[in-house]
Amino acid sequence: MATWTRDAIEALGPITDVRTTAAIFQVDPDTVYAQIRRNEWTATRILRLGRKIRIPTRDLIAALYEPEFPTEPAVPSRGETPENVQVTDVKPLSQCGCHLNDVAPIQGLRGA
């Protein structure tokens, strides 16, 4: 098994695959795939390109060599919403300038 250095990871280019990521972290690729599938992978961001999954090498470098790197993804994956979401700036129709009389009637389809 090869030893991965910072220079070797940077030489991979901007993104890499899951198998290489698993080799860098010295774990089985199936473990990484399973964590990604269960939305438990927090070491890096995940880029889904069709059926392919790619990992940004910048995230790998930051996770391994920069201890202040946040472990939470910067952008939540689809389907994840932050807890305690509160809407605080809701204006009633009378304050936003909208009037129900301004709405055009809905026209039916021809022949229906």
N, C-alpha and C. Protein backbone atom coordinates (compact mmCIF):
# COMPACT_ATOMS: atom_id res chain seq x y z
N MET A 1 0.85 -1.16 0.00
CA MET A 1 0.00 0.00 0.00
C MET A 1 0.90 1.23 0.00
N ALA A 2 0.64 2.16 -0.90
CA ALA A 2 1.45 3.36 -1.03
C ALA A 2 1.14 4.34 0.10
N THR A 3 2.15 5.11 0.47
CA THR A 3 1.96 6.16 1.46
C THR A 3 1.56 7.44 0.73
N TRP A 4 0.47 8.01 1.14
CA TRP A 4 -0.03 9.22 0.49
C TRP A 4 0.52 10.44 1.21
N THR A 5 1.21 11.29 0.47
CA THR A 5 1.71 12.55 1.00
C THR A 5 0.84 13.68 0.47
N ARG A 6 1.04 14.85 1.03
CA ARG A 6 0.28 16.01 0.57
C ARG A 6 0.56 16.28 -0.92
N ASP A 7 1.82 16.18 -1.32
CA ASP A 7 2.17 16.40 -2.73
C ASP A 7 1.51 15.36 -3.64
N ALA A 8 1.45 14.11 -3.18
CA ALA A 8 0.84 13.06 -4.00
C ALA A 8 -0.66 13.31 -4.16
N ILE A 9 -1.31 13.79 -3.10
CA ILE A 9 -2.75 14.07 -3.18
C ILE A 9 -2.98 15.27 -4.09
N GLU A 10 -2.15 16.31 -3.98
CA GLU A 10 -2.29 17.49 -4.84
C GLU A 10 -2.08 17.13 -6.31
N ALA A 11 -1.22 16.14 -6.57
CA ALA A 11 -0.94 15.73 -7.95
C ALA A 11 -2.11 15.00 -8.60
N LEU A 12 -3.11 14.60 -7.82
CA LEU A 12 -4.28 13.91 -8.37
C LEU A 12 -5.14 14.82 -9.24
N GLY A 13 -5.04 16.12 -9.05
CA GLY A 13 -5.89 17.05 -9.78
C GLY A 13 -6.98 17.57 -8.87
N PRO A 14 -7.99 18.23 -9.42
CA PRO A 14 -9.01 18.85 -8.58
C PRO A 14 -9.97 17.88 -7.90
N ILE A 15 -10.21 16.71 -8.51
CA ILE A 15 -11.11 15.73 -7.90
C ILE A 15 -10.51 14.34 -8.03
N THR A 16 -11.00 13.43 -7.21
CA THR A 16 -10.56 12.04 -7.29
C THR A 16 -11.76 11.13 -7.03
N ASP A 17 -11.57 9.84 -7.21
CA ASP A 17 -12.68 8.90 -7.03
C ASP A 17 -12.70 8.35 -5.61
N VAL A 18 -13.72 7.56 -5.33
CA VAL A 18 -13.92 7.03 -3.98
C VAL A 18 -12.84 6.00 -3.63
N ARG A 19 -12.43 5.19 -4.59
CA ARG A 19 -11.40 4.18 -4.31
C ARG A 19 -10.09 4.82 -3.90
N THR A 20 -9.70 5.90 -4.57
CA THR A 20 -8.47 6.60 -4.20
C THR A 20 -8.63 7.26 -2.84
N THR A 21 -9.80 7.84 -2.59
CA THR A 21 -10.07 8.44 -1.28
C THR A 21 -9.95 7.41 -0.18
N ALA A 22 -10.50 6.22 -0.41
CA ALA A 22 -10.41 5.15 0.58
C ALA A 22 -8.95 4.76 0.82
N ALA A 23 -8.16 4.70 -0.26
CA ALA A 23 -6.75 4.37 -0.10
C ALA A 23 -6.01 5.43 0.70
N ILE A 24 -6.35 6.69 0.49
CA ILE A 24 -5.72 7.78 1.23
C ILE A 24 -6.04 7.67 2.71
N PHE A 25 -7.30 7.36 3.05
CA PHE A 25 -7.71 7.22 4.45
C PHE A 25 -7.41 5.83 5.01
N GLN A 26 -6.89 4.94 4.18
CA GLN A 26 -6.52 3.57 4.55
C GLN A 26 -7.72 2.79 5.10
N VAL A 27 -8.82 2.87 4.36
CA VAL A 27 -10.01 2.09 4.70
C VAL A 27 -10.48 1.37 3.44
N ASP A 28 -11.38 0.43 3.61
CA ASP A 28 -11.93 -0.31 2.48
C ASP A 28 -12.86 0.61 1.67
N PRO A 29 -12.81 0.58 0.34
CA PRO A 29 -13.70 1.41 -0.47
C PRO A 29 -15.18 1.17 -0.18
N ASP A 30 -15.55 -0.07 0.13
CA ASP A 30 -16.96 -0.36 0.44
C ASP A 30 -17.42 0.41 1.68
N THR A 31 -16.52 0.65 2.63
CA THR A 31 -16.85 1.42 3.82
C THR A 31 -17.21 2.85 3.45
N VAL A 32 -16.40 3.44 2.57
CA VAL A 32 -16.66 4.82 2.14
C VAL A 32 -17.96 4.89 1.35
N TYR A 33 -18.15 3.96 0.41
CA TYR A 33 -19.40 3.94 -0.36
C TYR A 33 -20.61 3.80 0.56
N ALA A 34 -20.52 2.94 1.57
CA ALA A 34 -21.64 2.73 2.48
C ALA A 34 -21.94 4.00 3.28
N GLN A 35 -20.90 4.69 3.74
CA GLN A 35 -21.11 5.93 4.48
C GLN A 35 -21.73 7.01 3.60
N ILE A 36 -21.29 7.09 2.36
CA ILE A 36 -21.88 8.06 1.43
C ILE A 36 -23.34 7.73 1.18
N ARG A 37 -23.64 6.46 0.98
CA ARG A 37 -25.02 6.03 0.71
C ARG A 37 -25.94 6.35 1.89
N ARG A 38 -25.42 6.22 3.13
CA ARG A 38 -26.22 6.49 4.33
C ARG A 38 -26.12 7.94 4.78
N ASN A 39 -25.50 8.81 3.98
CA ASN A 39 -25.28 10.22 4.32
C ASN A 39 -24.53 10.39 5.63
N GLU A 40 -23.56 9.51 5.90
CA GLU A 40 -22.75 9.59 7.11
C GLU A 40 -21.33 10.09 6.82
N TRP A 41 -20.97 10.27 5.56
CA TRP A 41 -19.62 10.69 5.20
C TRP A 41 -19.50 12.19 5.45
N THR A 42 -18.64 12.58 6.41
CA THR A 42 -18.47 13.98 6.74
C THR A 42 -17.04 14.47 6.56
N ALA A 43 -16.15 13.60 6.10
CA ALA A 43 -14.75 13.99 5.98
C ALA A 43 -14.54 15.01 4.87
N THR A 44 -15.33 14.92 3.80
CA THR A 44 -15.20 15.82 2.66
C THR A 44 -16.57 16.07 2.05
N ARG A 45 -16.58 16.98 1.08
CA ARG A 45 -17.79 17.14 0.29
C ARG A 45 -17.88 15.98 -0.70
N ILE A 46 -19.08 15.75 -1.21
CA ILE A 46 -19.31 14.69 -2.18
C ILE A 46 -19.87 15.33 -3.44
N LEU A 47 -19.26 15.05 -4.56
CA LEU A 47 -19.76 15.56 -5.83
C LEU A 47 -20.38 14.40 -6.59
N ARG A 48 -21.66 14.49 -6.86
CA ARG A 48 -22.35 13.45 -7.62
C ARG A 48 -22.47 13.93 -9.06
N LEU A 49 -21.79 13.22 -9.95
CA LEU A 49 -21.80 13.55 -11.37
C LEU A 49 -22.47 12.40 -12.10
N GLY A 50 -23.78 12.46 -12.21
CA GLY A 50 -24.52 11.34 -12.76
C GLY A 50 -24.45 10.19 -11.77
N ARG A 51 -23.96 9.05 -12.22
CA ARG A 51 -23.78 7.90 -11.33
C ARG A 51 -22.42 7.90 -10.66
N LYS A 52 -21.54 8.78 -11.10
CA LYS A 52 -20.19 8.82 -10.54
C LYS A 52 -20.15 9.69 -9.30
N ILE A 53 -19.32 9.29 -8.36
CA ILE A 53 -19.11 10.06 -7.14
C ILE A 53 -17.66 10.51 -7.14
N ARG A 54 -17.45 11.79 -6.97
CA ARG A 54 -16.10 12.34 -6.94
C ARG A 54 -15.90 13.11 -5.64
N ILE A 55 -14.65 13.16 -5.21
CA ILE A 55 -14.27 13.83 -3.98
C ILE A 55 -13.27 14.94 -4.33
N PRO A 56 -13.50 16.18 -3.88
CA PRO A 56 -12.53 17.24 -4.14
C PRO A 56 -11.23 16.98 -3.38
N THR A 57 -10.11 17.02 -4.09
CA THR A 57 -8.83 16.76 -3.43
C THR A 57 -8.49 17.87 -2.44
N ARG A 58 -8.99 19.07 -2.67
CA ARG A 58 -8.76 20.16 -1.71
C ARG A 58 -9.36 19.81 -0.36
N ASP A 59 -10.50 19.16 -0.37
CA ASP A 59 -11.13 18.73 0.89
C ASP A 59 -10.29 17.66 1.59
N LEU A 60 -9.71 16.75 0.81
CA LEU A 60 -8.84 15.72 1.40
C LEU A 60 -7.64 16.36 2.07
N ILE A 61 -7.01 17.30 1.38
CA ILE A 61 -5.84 17.97 1.93
C ILE A 61 -6.21 18.73 3.20
N ALA A 62 -7.33 19.43 3.15
CA ALA A 62 -7.77 20.19 4.31
C ALA A 62 -8.10 19.27 5.49
N ALA A 63 -8.77 18.16 5.22
CA ALA A 63 -9.14 17.24 6.30
C ALA A 63 -7.92 16.59 6.95
N LEU A 64 -6.90 16.31 6.14
CA LEU A 64 -5.73 15.61 6.67
C LEU A 64 -4.65 16.53 7.21
N TYR A 65 -4.52 17.72 6.64
CA TYR A 65 -3.38 18.57 6.99
C TYR A 65 -3.75 19.90 7.62
N GLU A 66 -5.03 20.23 7.69
CA GLU A 66 -5.46 21.48 8.30
C GLU A 66 -6.47 21.16 9.39
N PRO A 67 -6.05 21.17 10.65
CA PRO A 67 -6.94 20.73 11.73
C PRO A 67 -8.17 21.60 11.93
N GLU A 68 -8.16 22.85 11.48
CA GLU A 68 -9.33 23.70 11.67
C GLU A 68 -10.38 23.51 10.59
N PHE A 69 -10.16 22.56 9.67
CA PHE A 69 -11.12 22.29 8.60
C PHE A 69 -12.42 21.80 9.20
N PRO A 70 -13.57 22.40 8.82
CA PRO A 70 -14.85 21.94 9.38
C PRO A 70 -15.21 20.56 8.86
N THR A 71 -15.73 19.72 9.73
CA THR A 71 -16.09 18.36 9.32
C THR A 71 -17.48 18.31 8.71
N GLU A 72 -18.29 19.35 8.93
CA GLU A 72 -19.62 19.40 8.34
C GLU A 72 -19.53 19.90 6.90
N PRO A 73 -20.29 19.35 5.98
CA PRO A 73 -20.26 19.85 4.61
C PRO A 73 -20.73 21.30 4.55
N ALA A 74 -20.11 22.07 3.68
CA ALA A 74 -20.48 23.48 3.54
C ALA A 74 -21.88 23.63 2.95
N VAL A 75 -22.23 22.75 2.05
CA VAL A 75 -23.54 22.80 1.41
C VAL A 75 -24.24 21.49 1.73
N PRO A 76 -25.42 21.54 2.34
CA PRO A 76 -26.10 20.29 2.65
C PRO A 76 -26.47 19.52 1.39
N SER A 77 -26.43 18.22 1.49
CA SER A 77 -26.84 17.39 0.37
C SER A 77 -28.34 17.51 0.18
N ARG A 78 -28.81 17.08 -0.97
CA ARG A 78 -30.24 17.14 -1.26
C ARG A 78 -31.00 16.34 -0.21
N GLY A 79 -32.07 16.89 0.29
CA GLY A 79 -32.88 16.21 1.28
C GLY A 79 -32.51 16.55 2.71
N GLU A 80 -31.37 17.19 2.92
CA GLU A 80 -30.98 17.57 4.27
C GLU A 80 -31.39 19.02 4.50
N THR A 81 -32.03 19.28 5.62
CA THR A 81 -32.38 20.64 5.97
C THR A 81 -31.87 20.91 7.38
N PRO A 82 -31.41 22.11 7.62
CA PRO A 82 -30.94 22.41 8.97
C PRO A 82 -32.11 22.39 9.95
N GLU A 83 -31.79 22.05 11.19
CA GLU A 83 -32.82 22.02 12.22
C GLU A 83 -33.13 23.45 12.65
N ASN A 84 -34.29 23.63 13.26
CA ASN A 84 -34.71 24.91 13.80
C ASN A 84 -34.78 26.00 12.74
N VAL A 85 -35.29 25.67 11.58
CA VAL A 85 -35.47 26.67 10.54
C VAL A 85 -36.66 27.53 10.92
N GLN A 86 -36.46 28.83 10.99
CA GLN A 86 -37.53 29.73 11.35
C GLN A 86 -37.67 30.82 10.30
N VAL A 87 -38.88 31.08 9.90
CA VAL A 87 -39.16 32.18 8.99
C VAL A 87 -39.55 33.36 9.85
N THR A 88 -38.79 34.45 9.74
CA THR A 88 -39.05 35.58 10.62
C THR A 88 -39.59 36.79 9.90
N ASP A 89 -39.42 36.89 8.58
CA ASP A 89 -39.82 38.10 7.86
C ASP A 89 -40.97 37.79 6.91
N VAL A 90 -42.15 37.56 7.46
CA VAL A 90 -43.32 37.27 6.65
C VAL A 90 -44.24 38.49 6.72
N LYS A 91 -44.61 38.99 5.55
CA LYS A 91 -45.51 40.14 5.50
C LYS A 91 -46.87 39.68 4.99
N PRO A 92 -47.93 40.14 5.60
CA PRO A 92 -49.24 39.82 5.05
C PRO A 92 -49.41 40.49 3.69
N LEU A 93 -50.37 39.99 2.90
CA LEU A 93 -50.59 40.53 1.56
C LEU A 93 -50.83 42.03 1.57
N SER A 94 -51.47 42.53 2.58
CA SER A 94 -51.79 43.95 2.61
C SER A 94 -50.53 44.81 2.75
N GLN A 95 -49.44 44.27 3.31
CA GLN A 95 -48.22 45.05 3.50
C GLN A 95 -47.23 44.90 2.35
N CYS A 96 -47.35 43.88 1.54
CA CYS A 96 -46.38 43.68 0.47
C CYS A 96 -46.78 44.40 -0.81
N GLY A 97 -47.97 44.92 -0.89
CA GLY A 97 -48.42 45.62 -2.08
C GLY A 97 -49.21 44.73 -3.02
N CYS A 98 -49.40 43.48 -2.68
CA CYS A 98 -50.15 42.56 -3.52
C CYS A 98 -51.64 42.68 -3.20
N HIS A 99 -52.44 42.57 -4.23
CA HIS A 99 -53.89 42.61 -4.03
C HIS A 99 -54.50 41.44 -4.78
N LEU A 100 -55.44 40.79 -4.17
CA LEU A 100 -56.08 39.65 -4.81
C LEU A 100 -56.82 40.07 -6.07
N ASN A 101 -57.22 41.33 -6.18
CA ASN A 101 -57.94 41.80 -7.37
C ASN A 101 -57.01 41.89 -8.58
N ASP A 102 -55.69 41.93 -8.37
CA ASP A 102 -54.74 42.05 -9.47
C ASP A 102 -54.50 40.73 -10.19
N VAL A 103 -54.98 39.64 -9.65
CA VAL A 103 -54.73 38.33 -10.22
C VAL A 103 -55.68 38.09 -11.39
N ALA A 104 -55.12 37.66 -12.52
CA ALA A 104 -55.95 37.37 -13.70
C ALA A 104 -56.69 36.07 -13.50
N PRO A 105 -57.90 35.98 -14.02
CA PRO A 105 -58.64 34.71 -13.89
C PRO A 105 -57.97 33.61 -14.71
N ILE A 106 -58.10 32.40 -14.25
CA ILE A 106 -57.51 31.25 -14.94
C ILE A 106 -58.44 30.84 -16.07
N GLN A 107 -57.91 30.74 -17.25
CA GLN A 107 -58.70 30.37 -18.42
C GLN A 107 -58.65 28.84 -18.60
N GLY A 108 -59.75 28.26 -18.95
CA GLY A 108 -59.80 26.83 -19.21
C GLY A 108 -59.15 26.46 -20.53
N LEU A 109 -58.82 25.21 -20.70
CA LEU A 109 -58.24 24.73 -21.95
C LEU A 109 -59.30 24.68 -23.03
N ARG A 110 -58.87 24.87 -24.29
CA ARG A 110 -59.82 24.79 -25.40
C ARG A 110 -60.32 23.36 -25.54
N GLY A 111 -61.58 23.21 -25.73
CA GLY A 111 -62.15 21.90 -25.95
C GLY A 111 -62.37 21.11 -24.67
N ALA A 112 -62.13 21.71 -23.54
CA ALA A 112 -62.30 20.98 -22.30
C ALA A 112 -63.65 21.21 -21.70
